[in-house]
């Protein structure tokens, strides 16, 4: 059953190697445990808006963009103009595949959103800060990228506004909003994974996170949910948010639980549609 319901002084820094961090997963929760007050959709939107307004150095862009670069797809006029996965495949056999992927993905975003001057400054600064690539030594992509951000990017540039929507903190607000639903119908990461589409329009940039989930109960259910940000290209702010659950597939999930599942997602989809932000 499917229900479709970049200018300043260039610094040369050698970054210390650190273990790569795994994407954070959420674990099973007890349905009768009250972890925190439930988050309304309006509260979720305000939380995301507050987090999005934080200065660069107080965000996790430096960590999350390197981790998610392979999941980013950029589209314009219904055509894919960048695929992080394809870029990674091109460098897959290289020692510094993660670094080269981040460089190309971010460079293309800057070109599209803030122009060639900033792009050239980014690429020049990247070469200096990621000097361990040139010397063929060890380094850490996240540490170096974090140092690069405040050197290259002004706070009000469109590329930064878009990259903030890739951060774990913003996404976590949506996960928290869905917590009551997850308590009733236990699920975890799986199914179709996590993808990020950046869709370029004339007046806005739409960023669509799509995440697949699967039930803890074996062969119970699968579904996808989307978190969509709309960013105004002029003021670089989030102007609306949308959260939707769809592509539900039931397997051996009991009928009474299926009915409650459908009631829950209908309620979420009805109240989470294009909430305008101030």
C-alpha atoms as a PDB file:
ATOM      1  CA  UNK A   1       0.000   0.000   0.000  1.00  0.00           C
ATOM      2  CA  UNK A   2       1.414   3.398  -0.996  1.00  0.00           C
ATOM      3  CA  UNK A   3       0.123   6.694   0.305  1.00  0.00           C
ATOM      4  CA  UNK A   4       1.266   9.693  -1.666  1.00  0.00           C
ATOM      5  CA  UNK A   5      -0.028  11.744   0.740  1.00  0.00           C
ATOM      6  CA  UNK A   6      34.170  34.939  -0.441  1.00  0.00           C
ATOM      7  CA  UNK A   7      38.112  39.251   1.083  1.00  0.00           C
ATOM      8  CA  UNK A   8      40.948  39.249   3.604  1.00  0.00           C
ATOM      9  CA  UNK A   9      44.325  37.864   4.603  1.00  0.00           C
ATOM     10  CA  UNK A  10      45.039  34.308   3.563  1.00  0.00           C
ATOM     11  CA  UNK A  11      46.130  32.058   6.407  1.00  0.00           C
ATOM     12  CA  UNK A  12      48.223  28.915   5.992  1.00  0.00           C
ATOM     13  CA  UNK A  13      47.255  26.317   8.531  1.00  0.00           C
ATOM     14  CA  UNK A  14      48.058  22.642   8.866  1.00  0.00           C
ATOM     15  CA  UNK A  15      45.085  20.827  10.275  1.00  0.00           C
ATOM     16  CA  UNK A  16      45.462  17.956  12.688  1.00  0.00           C
ATOM     17  CA  UNK A  17      44.002  14.631  11.684  1.00  0.00           C
ATOM     18  CA  UNK A  18      40.887  13.628  13.580  1.00  0.00           C
ATOM     19  CA  UNK A  19      38.610  10.621  13.271  1.00  0.00           C
ATOM     20  CA  UNK A  20      35.812  11.092  10.773  1.00  0.00           C
ATOM     21  CA  UNK A  21      32.442  11.525  12.447  1.00  0.00           C
ATOM     22  CA  UNK A  22      29.495   9.360  11.559  1.00  0.00           C
ATOM     23  CA  UNK A  23      26.115  10.857  10.775  1.00  0.00           C
ATOM     24  CA  UNK A  24      24.180  10.975  14.007  1.00  0.00           C
ATOM     25  CA  UNK A  25      21.379   8.469  14.273  1.00  0.00           C
ATOM     26  CA  UNK A  26      18.427   8.493  16.622  1.00  0.00           C
ATOM     27  CA  UNK A  27      17.663   5.477  18.724  1.00  0.00           C
ATOM     28  CA  UNK A  28      14.553   3.716  19.875  1.00  0.00           C
ATOM     29  CA  UNK A  29      12.388   5.557  22.395  1.00  0.00           C
ATOM     30  CA  UNK A  30       9.924   4.172  24.885  1.00  0.00           C
ATOM     31  CA  UNK A  31       6.369   5.081  23.970  1.00  0.00           C
ATOM     32  CA  UNK A  32       5.408   5.693  27.610  1.00  0.00           C
ATOM     33  CA  UNK A  33       8.420   7.892  28.387  1.00  0.00           C
ATOM     34  CA  UNK A  34       7.956  11.659  28.427  1.00  0.00           C
ATOM     35  CA  UNK A  35      11.351  13.017  27.363  1.00  0.00           C
ATOM     36  CA  UNK A  36      10.312  16.653  26.881  1.00  0.00           C
ATOM     37  CA  UNK A  37       7.202  18.697  26.116  1.00  0.00           C
ATOM     38  CA  UNK A  38       5.904  18.134  22.619  1.00  0.00           C
ATOM     39  CA  UNK A  39       7.077  20.653  20.036  1.00  0.00           C
ATOM     40  CA  UNK A  40       4.357  22.248  17.920  1.00  0.00           C
ATOM     41  CA  UNK A  41       5.009  22.952  14.246  1.00  0.00           C
ATOM     42  CA  UNK A  42       5.038  26.693  14.937  1.00  0.00           C
ATOM     43  CA  UNK A  43       7.610  26.172  17.707  1.00  0.00           C
ATOM     44  CA  UNK A  44       9.670  24.028  15.352  1.00  0.00           C
ATOM     45  CA  UNK A  45       9.640  26.805  12.731  1.00  0.00           C
ATOM     46  CA  UNK A  46      10.667  29.451  15.264  1.00  0.00           C
ATOM     47  CA  UNK A  47      13.448  27.209  16.582  1.00  0.00           C
ATOM     48  CA  UNK A  48      14.777  26.641  13.067  1.00  0.00           C
ATOM     49  CA  UNK A  49      14.559  30.364  12.292  1.00  0.00           C
ATOM     50  CA  UNK A  50      16.533  31.232  15.454  1.00  0.00           C
ATOM     51  CA  UNK A  51      19.200  28.636  14.668  1.00  0.00           C
ATOM     52  CA  UNK A  52      19.439  29.837  11.055  1.00  0.00           C
ATOM     53  CA  UNK A  53      20.118  33.402  12.281  1.00  0.00           C
ATOM     54  CA  UNK A  54      23.201  32.365  14.284  1.00  0.00           C
ATOM     55  CA  UNK A  55      26.623  33.649  13.084  1.00  0.00           C
ATOM     56  CA  UNK A  56      28.806  31.286  11.065  1.00  0.00           C
ATOM     57  CA  UNK A  57      31.179  30.430  13.915  1.00  0.00           C
ATOM     58  CA  UNK A  58      28.264  29.299  16.083  1.00  0.00           C
ATOM     59  CA  UNK A  59      26.948  26.824  13.520  1.00  0.00           C
ATOM     60  CA  UNK A  60      28.089  23.332  12.566  1.00  0.00           C
ATOM     61  CA  UNK A  61      28.518  24.116   8.841  1.00  0.00           C
ATOM     62  CA  UNK A  62      32.190  23.130   9.126  1.00  0.00           C
ATOM     63  CA  UNK A  63      31.225  19.637  10.210  1.00  0.00           C
ATOM     64  CA  UNK A  64      27.960  19.008   8.412  1.00  0.00           C
ATOM     65  CA  UNK A  65      28.754  20.248   4.897  1.00  0.00           C
ATOM     66  CA  UNK A  66      31.746  17.865   4.533  1.00  0.00           C
ATOM     67  CA  UNK A  67      29.605  15.018   5.857  1.00  0.00           C
ATOM     68  CA  UNK A  68      26.673  15.718   3.566  1.00  0.00           C
ATOM     69  CA  UNK A  69      28.442  16.909   0.394  1.00  0.00           C
ATOM     70  CA  UNK A  70      27.847  13.611  -1.398  1.00  0.00           C
ATOM     71  CA  UNK A  71      24.104  13.835  -0.699  1.00  0.00           C
ATOM     72  CA  UNK A  72      23.622  17.270  -2.305  1.00  0.00           C
ATOM     73  CA  UNK A  73      21.919  17.671  -5.673  1.00  0.00           C
ATOM     74  CA  UNK A  74      21.435  21.114  -7.241  1.00  0.00           C
ATOM     75  CA  UNK A  75      18.713  21.633  -9.828  1.00  0.00           C
ATOM     76  CA  UNK A  76      17.721  24.517 -12.053  1.00  0.00           C
ATOM     77  CA  UNK A  77      14.884  24.482 -14.580  1.00  0.00           C
ATOM     78  CA  UNK A  78      14.304  20.806 -13.750  1.00  0.00           C
ATOM     79  CA  UNK A  79      17.875  19.931 -14.764  1.00  0.00           C
ATOM     80  CA  UNK A  80      20.524  18.548 -12.423  1.00  0.00           C
ATOM     81  CA  UNK A  81      23.520  20.885 -12.561  1.00  0.00           C
ATOM     82  CA  UNK A  82      25.442  19.342  -9.662  1.00  0.00           C
ATOM     83  CA  UNK A  83      25.458  15.941  -8.005  1.00  0.00           C
ATOM     84  CA  UNK A  84      27.657  15.500  -4.942  1.00  0.00           C
ATOM     85  CA  UNK A  85      27.572  11.732  -5.411  1.00  0.00           C
ATOM     86  CA  UNK A  86      28.839  11.980  -8.996  1.00  0.00           C
ATOM     87  CA  UNK A  87      31.613  14.352  -7.921  1.00  0.00           C
ATOM     88  CA  UNK A  88      32.668  11.952  -5.169  1.00  0.00           C
ATOM     89  CA  UNK A  89      32.695   9.048  -7.633  1.00  0.00           C
ATOM     90  CA  UNK A  90      35.090  11.042  -9.807  1.00  0.00           C
ATOM     91  CA  UNK A  91      37.540  11.348  -6.890  1.00  0.00           C
ATOM     92  CA  UNK A  92      36.738   8.046  -5.183  1.00  0.00           C
ATOM     93  CA  UNK A  93      40.188   6.512  -5.767  1.00  0.00           C
ATOM     94  CA  UNK A  94      42.003   9.658  -4.635  1.00  0.00           C
ATOM     95  CA  UNK A  95      43.506   9.836  -1.131  1.00  0.00           C
ATOM     96  CA  UNK A  96      41.763  13.167  -0.517  1.00  0.00           C
ATOM     97  CA  UNK A  97      38.414  12.303  -2.092  1.00  0.00           C
ATOM     98  CA  UNK A  98      36.373  13.950   0.693  1.00  0.00           C
ATOM     99  CA  UNK A  99      38.337  17.216   0.476  1.00  0.00           C
ATOM    100  CA  UNK A 100      38.145  17.382  -3.328  1.00  0.00           C
ATOM    101  CA  UNK A 101      34.420  16.679  -3.241  1.00  0.00           C
ATOM    102  CA  UNK A 102      33.775  19.461  -0.714  1.00  0.00           C
ATOM    103  CA  UNK A 103      35.895  21.869  -2.762  1.00  0.00           C
ATOM    104  CA  UNK A 104      33.969  21.235  -5.972  1.00  0.00           C
ATOM    105  CA  UNK A 105      30.500  21.155  -4.414  1.00  0.00           C
ATOM    106  CA  UNK A 106      30.964  24.370  -2.412  1.00  0.00           C
ATOM    107  CA  UNK A 107      32.755  26.106  -5.288  1.00  0.00           C
ATOM    108  CA  UNK A 108      29.783  25.448  -7.561  1.00  0.00           C
ATOM    109  CA  UNK A 109      27.326  26.697  -4.950  1.00  0.00           C
ATOM    110  CA  UNK A 110      29.304  29.941  -4.566  1.00  0.00           C
ATOM    111  CA  UNK A 111      29.362  30.419  -8.343  1.00  0.00           C
ATOM    112  CA  UNK A 112      25.604  29.976  -8.519  1.00  0.00           C
ATOM    113  CA  UNK A 113      24.674  32.043  -5.464  1.00  0.00           C
ATOM    114  CA  UNK A 114      27.389  34.694  -4.913  1.00  0.00           C
ATOM    115  CA  UNK A 115      29.417  34.952  -8.126  1.00  0.00           C
ATOM    116  CA  UNK A 116      32.842  34.190  -9.550  1.00  0.00           C
ATOM    117  CA  UNK A 117      34.858  36.648  -7.429  1.00  0.00           C
ATOM    118  CA  UNK A 118      33.905  34.863  -4.219  1.00  0.00           C
ATOM    119  CA  UNK A 119      34.357  31.509  -5.912  1.00  0.00           C
ATOM    120  CA  UNK A 120      37.944  32.358  -6.903  1.00  0.00           C
ATOM    121  CA  UNK A 121      38.700  33.613  -3.389  1.00  0.00           C
ATOM    122  CA  UNK A 122      37.269  30.423  -1.915  1.00  0.00           C
ATOM    123  CA  UNK A 123      39.362  28.206  -4.176  1.00  0.00           C
ATOM    124  CA  UNK A 124      42.556  30.183  -3.435  1.00  0.00           C
ATOM    125  CA  UNK A 125      41.919  30.094   0.310  1.00  0.00           C
ATOM    126  CA  UNK A 126      41.038  26.412   0.145  1.00  0.00           C
ATOM    127  CA  UNK A 127      44.424  25.611  -1.430  1.00  0.00           C
ATOM    128  CA  UNK A 128      46.233  27.488   1.373  1.00  0.00           C
ATOM    129  CA  UNK A 129      44.267  26.065   4.274  1.00  0.00           C
ATOM    130  CA  UNK A 130      44.175  22.531   2.941  1.00  0.00           C
ATOM    131  CA  UNK A 131      47.942  22.586   2.338  1.00  0.00           C
ATOM    132  CA  UNK A 132      48.199  19.001   3.564  1.00  0.00           C
ATOM    133  CA  UNK A 133      46.760  17.941   0.188  1.00  0.00           C
ATOM    134  CA  UNK A 134      49.685  19.600  -1.589  1.00  0.00           C
ATOM    135  CA  UNK A 135      52.256  18.149   0.818  1.00  0.00           C
ATOM    136  CA  UNK A 136      50.526  14.747   0.747  1.00  0.00           C
ATOM    137  CA  UNK A 137      50.326  14.544   4.536  1.00  0.00           C
ATOM    138  CA  UNK A 138      47.481  13.891   6.946  1.00  0.00           C
ATOM    139  CA  UNK A 139      44.762  16.413   7.765  1.00  0.00           C
ATOM    140  CA  UNK A 140      41.112  16.772   8.695  1.00  0.00           C
ATOM    141  CA  UNK A 141      38.589  18.118   6.230  1.00  0.00           C
ATOM    142  CA  UNK A 142      36.132  19.404   8.834  1.00  0.00           C
ATOM    143  CA  UNK A 143      38.768  21.252  10.910  1.00  0.00           C
ATOM    144  CA  UNK A 144      40.159  23.029   7.858  1.00  0.00           C
ATOM    145  CA  UNK A 145      36.756  23.809   6.382  1.00  0.00           C
ATOM    146  CA  UNK A 146      35.649  25.287   9.706  1.00  0.00           C
ATOM    147  CA  UNK A 147      38.707  27.614   9.689  1.00  0.00           C
ATOM    148  CA  UNK A 148      37.973  28.619   6.095  1.00  0.00           C
ATOM    149  CA  UNK A 149      34.372  29.701   6.613  1.00  0.00           C
ATOM    150  CA  UNK A 150      34.820  33.049   8.468  1.00  0.00           C
ATOM    151  CA  UNK A 151      37.746  33.976   6.188  1.00  0.00           C
ATOM    152  CA  UNK A 152      35.873  33.525   2.938  1.00  0.00           C
ATOM    153  CA  UNK A 153      32.213  34.138   3.648  1.00  0.00           C
ATOM    154  CA  UNK A 154      30.442  37.290   4.865  1.00  0.00           C
ATOM    155  CA  UNK A 155      27.551  36.553   7.200  1.00  0.00           C
ATOM    156  CA  UNK A 156      24.945  37.811   4.737  1.00  0.00           C
ATOM    157  CA  UNK A 157      25.911  35.818   1.647  1.00  0.00           C
ATOM    158  CA  UNK A 158      23.429  33.460   0.031  1.00  0.00           C
ATOM    159  CA  UNK A 159      25.776  30.462   0.041  1.00  0.00           C
ATOM    160  CA  UNK A 160      26.013  30.597   3.842  1.00  0.00           C
ATOM    161  CA  UNK A 161      22.247  30.936   4.160  1.00  0.00           C
ATOM    162  CA  UNK A 162      21.796  27.794   2.076  1.00  0.00           C
ATOM    163  CA  UNK A 163      24.549  25.814   3.831  1.00  0.00           C
ATOM    164  CA  UNK A 164      23.031  26.579   7.240  1.00  0.00           C
ATOM    165  CA  UNK A 165      20.016  24.527   6.194  1.00  0.00           C
ATOM    166  CA  UNK A 166      22.324  21.497   5.871  1.00  0.00           C
ATOM    167  CA  UNK A 167      23.243  21.594   9.569  1.00  0.00           C
ATOM    168  CA  UNK A 168      22.269  18.954  12.085  1.00  0.00           C
ATOM    169  CA  UNK A 169      20.763  21.437  14.560  1.00  0.00           C
ATOM    170  CA  UNK A 170      18.078  22.637  12.143  1.00  0.00           C
ATOM    171  CA  UNK A 171      17.217  19.134  11.048  1.00  0.00           C
ATOM    172  CA  UNK A 172      17.117  17.998  14.688  1.00  0.00           C
ATOM    173  CA  UNK A 173      14.284  20.458  15.342  1.00  0.00           C
ATOM    174  CA  UNK A 174      12.163  18.595  12.803  1.00  0.00           C
ATOM    175  CA  UNK A 175      13.143  15.245  14.328  1.00  0.00           C
ATOM    176  CA  UNK A 176      12.026  16.595  17.715  1.00  0.00           C
ATOM    177  CA  UNK A 177       8.709  17.717  16.235  1.00  0.00           C
ATOM    178  CA  UNK A 178       8.120  14.182  14.957  1.00  0.00           C
ATOM    179  CA  UNK A 179       9.012  12.579  18.296  1.00  0.00           C
ATOM    180  CA  UNK A 180       5.410  11.928  19.454  1.00  0.00           C
ATOM    181  CA  UNK A 181       4.754  10.104  16.169  1.00  0.00           C
ATOM    182  CA  UNK A 182       7.971   8.073  16.553  1.00  0.00           C
ATOM    183  CA  UNK A 183       7.018   7.081  20.095  1.00  0.00           C
ATOM    184  CA  UNK A 184       3.806   5.554  18.819  1.00  0.00           C
ATOM    185  CA  UNK A 185       5.276   3.958  15.698  1.00  0.00           C
ATOM    186  CA  UNK A 186       8.924   3.113  16.348  1.00  0.00           C
ATOM    187  CA  UNK A 187      11.266   3.663  13.383  1.00  0.00           C
ATOM    188  CA  UNK A 188      14.917   4.307  12.567  1.00  0.00           C
ATOM    189  CA  UNK A 189      17.177   5.411   9.701  1.00  0.00           C
ATOM    190  CA  UNK A 190      16.885   3.253   6.645  1.00  0.00           C
ATOM    191  CA  UNK A 191      14.886   2.655   3.512  1.00  0.00           C
ATOM    192  CA  UNK A 192      16.055   5.321   1.033  1.00  0.00           C
ATOM    193  CA  UNK A 193      18.673   7.118   3.170  1.00  0.00           C
ATOM    194  CA  UNK A 194      19.017  10.920   3.213  1.00  0.00           C
ATOM    195  CA  UNK A 195      19.164  13.240   0.195  1.00  0.00           C
ATOM    196  CA  UNK A 196      19.261  17.033  -0.171  1.00  0.00           C
ATOM    197  CA  UNK A 197      17.918  18.801  -3.246  1.00  0.00           C
ATOM    198  CA  UNK A 198      18.726  22.485  -3.763  1.00  0.00           C
ATOM    199  CA  UNK A 199      16.279  23.858  -6.313  1.00  0.00           C
ATOM    200  CA  UNK A 200      17.088  27.256  -7.811  1.00  0.00           C
ATOM    201  CA  UNK A 201      14.143  29.498  -8.672  1.00  0.00           C
ATOM    202  CA  UNK A 202      14.142  33.106  -9.869  1.00  0.00           C
ATOM    203  CA  UNK A 203      13.134  34.585  -6.493  1.00  0.00           C
ATOM    204  CA  UNK A 204      13.789  31.751  -4.038  1.00  0.00           C
ATOM    205  CA  UNK A 205      16.033  28.817  -3.281  1.00  0.00           C
ATOM    206  CA  UNK A 206      14.204  25.683  -2.163  1.00  0.00           C
ATOM    207  CA  UNK A 207      16.140  23.169  -0.077  1.00  0.00           C
ATOM    208  CA  UNK A 208      14.435  19.805   0.230  1.00  0.00           C
ATOM    209  CA  UNK A 209      15.689  17.194   2.688  1.00  0.00           C
ATOM    210  CA  UNK A 210      14.234  13.752   2.026  1.00  0.00           C
ATOM    211  CA  UNK A 211      14.827  11.028   4.579  1.00  0.00           C
ATOM    212  CA  UNK A 212      13.794   7.396   4.524  1.00  0.00           C
ATOM    213  CA  UNK A 213      12.735   5.557   7.669  1.00  0.00           C
ATOM    214  CA  UNK A 214      11.957   1.942   8.443  1.00  0.00           C
ATOM    215  CA  UNK A 215      10.180   0.312  11.361  1.00  0.00           C
ATOM    216  CA  UNK A 216      11.953  -1.400  14.240  1.00  0.00           C
ATOM    217  CA  UNK A 217       9.353  -4.100  13.869  1.00  0.00           C
ATOM    218  CA  UNK A 218      10.625  -6.424  11.169  1.00  0.00           C
ATOM    219  CA  UNK A 219       8.798  -5.928   7.871  1.00  0.00           C
ATOM    220  CA  UNK A 220       6.450  -3.435   9.509  1.00  0.00           C
ATOM    221  CA  UNK A 221       6.579  -0.296   7.396  1.00  0.00           C
ATOM    222  CA  UNK A 222       8.748   2.121   5.432  1.00  0.00           C
ATOM    223  CA  UNK A 223       8.146   5.769   4.664  1.00  0.00           C
ATOM    224  CA  UNK A 224       9.830   8.992   3.606  1.00  0.00           C
ATOM    225  CA  UNK A 225       9.476  12.477   5.023  1.00  0.00           C
ATOM    226  CA  UNK A 226      10.546  15.794   3.555  1.00  0.00           C
ATOM    227  CA  UNK A 227      11.621  19.035   5.213  1.00  0.00           C
ATOM    228  CA  UNK A 228      11.509  21.898   2.727  1.00  0.00           C
ATOM    229  CA  UNK A 229      13.047  25.335   3.327  1.00  0.00           C
ATOM    230  CA  UNK A 230      12.278  28.271   1.070  1.00  0.00           C
ATOM    231  CA  UNK A 231      14.928  31.040   1.180  1.00  0.00           C
ATOM    232  CA  UNK A 232      14.413  34.501  -0.297  1.00  0.00           C
ATOM    233  CA  UNK A 233      17.315  35.306  -2.641  1.00  0.00           C
ATOM    234  CA  UNK A 234      17.279  38.991  -1.690  1.00  0.00           C
ATOM    235  CA  UNK A 235      17.213  38.970   2.127  1.00  0.00           C
ATOM    236  CA  UNK A 236      18.713  35.440   2.454  1.00  0.00           C
ATOM    237  CA  UNK A 237      16.184  34.464   5.120  1.00  0.00           C
ATOM    238  CA  UNK A 238      13.931  31.445   5.429  1.00  0.00           C
ATOM    239  CA  UNK A 239      10.480  32.612   4.396  1.00  0.00           C
ATOM    240  CA  UNK A 240       8.594  29.333   4.737  1.00  0.00           C
ATOM    241  CA  UNK A 241       8.909  25.753   5.917  1.00  0.00           C
ATOM    242  CA  UNK A 242       7.044  22.638   4.934  1.00  0.00           C
ATOM    243  CA  UNK A 243       7.166  19.133   6.401  1.00  0.00           C
ATOM    244  CA  UNK A 244       5.409  16.219   4.758  1.00  0.00           C
ATOM    245  CA  UNK A 245       5.287  12.454   5.219  1.00  0.00           C
ATOM    246  CA  UNK A 246       4.658  10.324   2.136  1.00  0.00           C
ATOM    247  CA  UNK A 247       5.605   7.165   0.233  1.00  0.00           C
ATOM    248  CA  UNK A 248       4.290   4.976   3.031  1.00  0.00           C
ATOM    249  CA  UNK A 249       4.588   1.238   2.499  1.00  0.00           C
ATOM    250  CA  UNK A 250       3.011  -1.201   4.932  1.00  0.00           C
ATOM    251  CA  UNK A 251       4.163  -4.796   4.978  1.00  0.00           C
ATOM    252  CA  UNK A 252       3.219  -6.918   7.985  1.00  0.00           C
ATOM    253  CA  UNK A 253       2.103  -4.022  10.181  1.00  0.00           C
ATOM    254  CA  UNK A 254      -1.111  -4.824  12.111  1.00  0.00           C
ATOM    255  CA  UNK A 255      -4.280  -3.265  10.730  1.00  0.00           C
ATOM    256  CA  UNK A 256      -5.157  -1.316  13.898  1.00  0.00           C
ATOM    257  CA  UNK A 257      -1.668   0.211  13.956  1.00  0.00           C
ATOM    258  CA  UNK A 258      -1.921   1.016  10.260  1.00  0.00           C
ATOM    259  CA  UNK A 259      -5.104   2.966  10.905  1.00  0.00           C
ATOM    260  CA  UNK A 260      -3.501   4.954  13.728  1.00  0.00           C
ATOM    261  CA  UNK A 261      -0.375   5.525  11.581  1.00  0.00           C
ATOM    262  CA  UNK A 262      -2.511   7.012   8.814  1.00  0.00           C
ATOM    263  CA  UNK A 263      -4.393   9.231  11.290  1.00  0.00           C
ATOM    264  CA  UNK A 264      -1.059  10.490  12.688  1.00  0.00           C
ATOM    265  CA  UNK A 265       0.487  11.329   9.321  1.00  0.00           C
ATOM    266  CA  UNK A 266      -2.701  12.959   8.046  1.00  0.00           C
ATOM    267  CA  UNK A 267      -2.609  15.258  11.080  1.00  0.00           C
ATOM    268  CA  UNK A 268       1.102  16.035  10.581  1.00  0.00           C
ATOM    269  CA  UNK A 269       0.672  16.723   6.876  1.00  0.00           C
ATOM    270  CA  UNK A 270      -2.349  18.959   7.494  1.00  0.00           C
ATOM    271  CA  UNK A 271      -0.704  21.155  10.149  1.00  0.00           C
ATOM    272  CA  UNK A 272       2.827  21.266   8.671  1.00  0.00           C
ATOM    273  CA  UNK A 273       2.092  22.762   5.272  1.00  0.00           C
ATOM    274  CA  UNK A 274       3.927  25.911   4.235  1.00  0.00           C
ATOM    275  CA  UNK A 275       4.027  27.739   7.562  1.00  0.00           C
ATOM    276  CA  UNK A 276       4.983  31.333   6.748  1.00  0.00           C
ATOM    277  CA  UNK A 277       7.779  32.797   8.889  1.00  0.00           C
ATOM    278  CA  UNK A 278       8.003  36.395  10.033  1.00  0.00           C
END
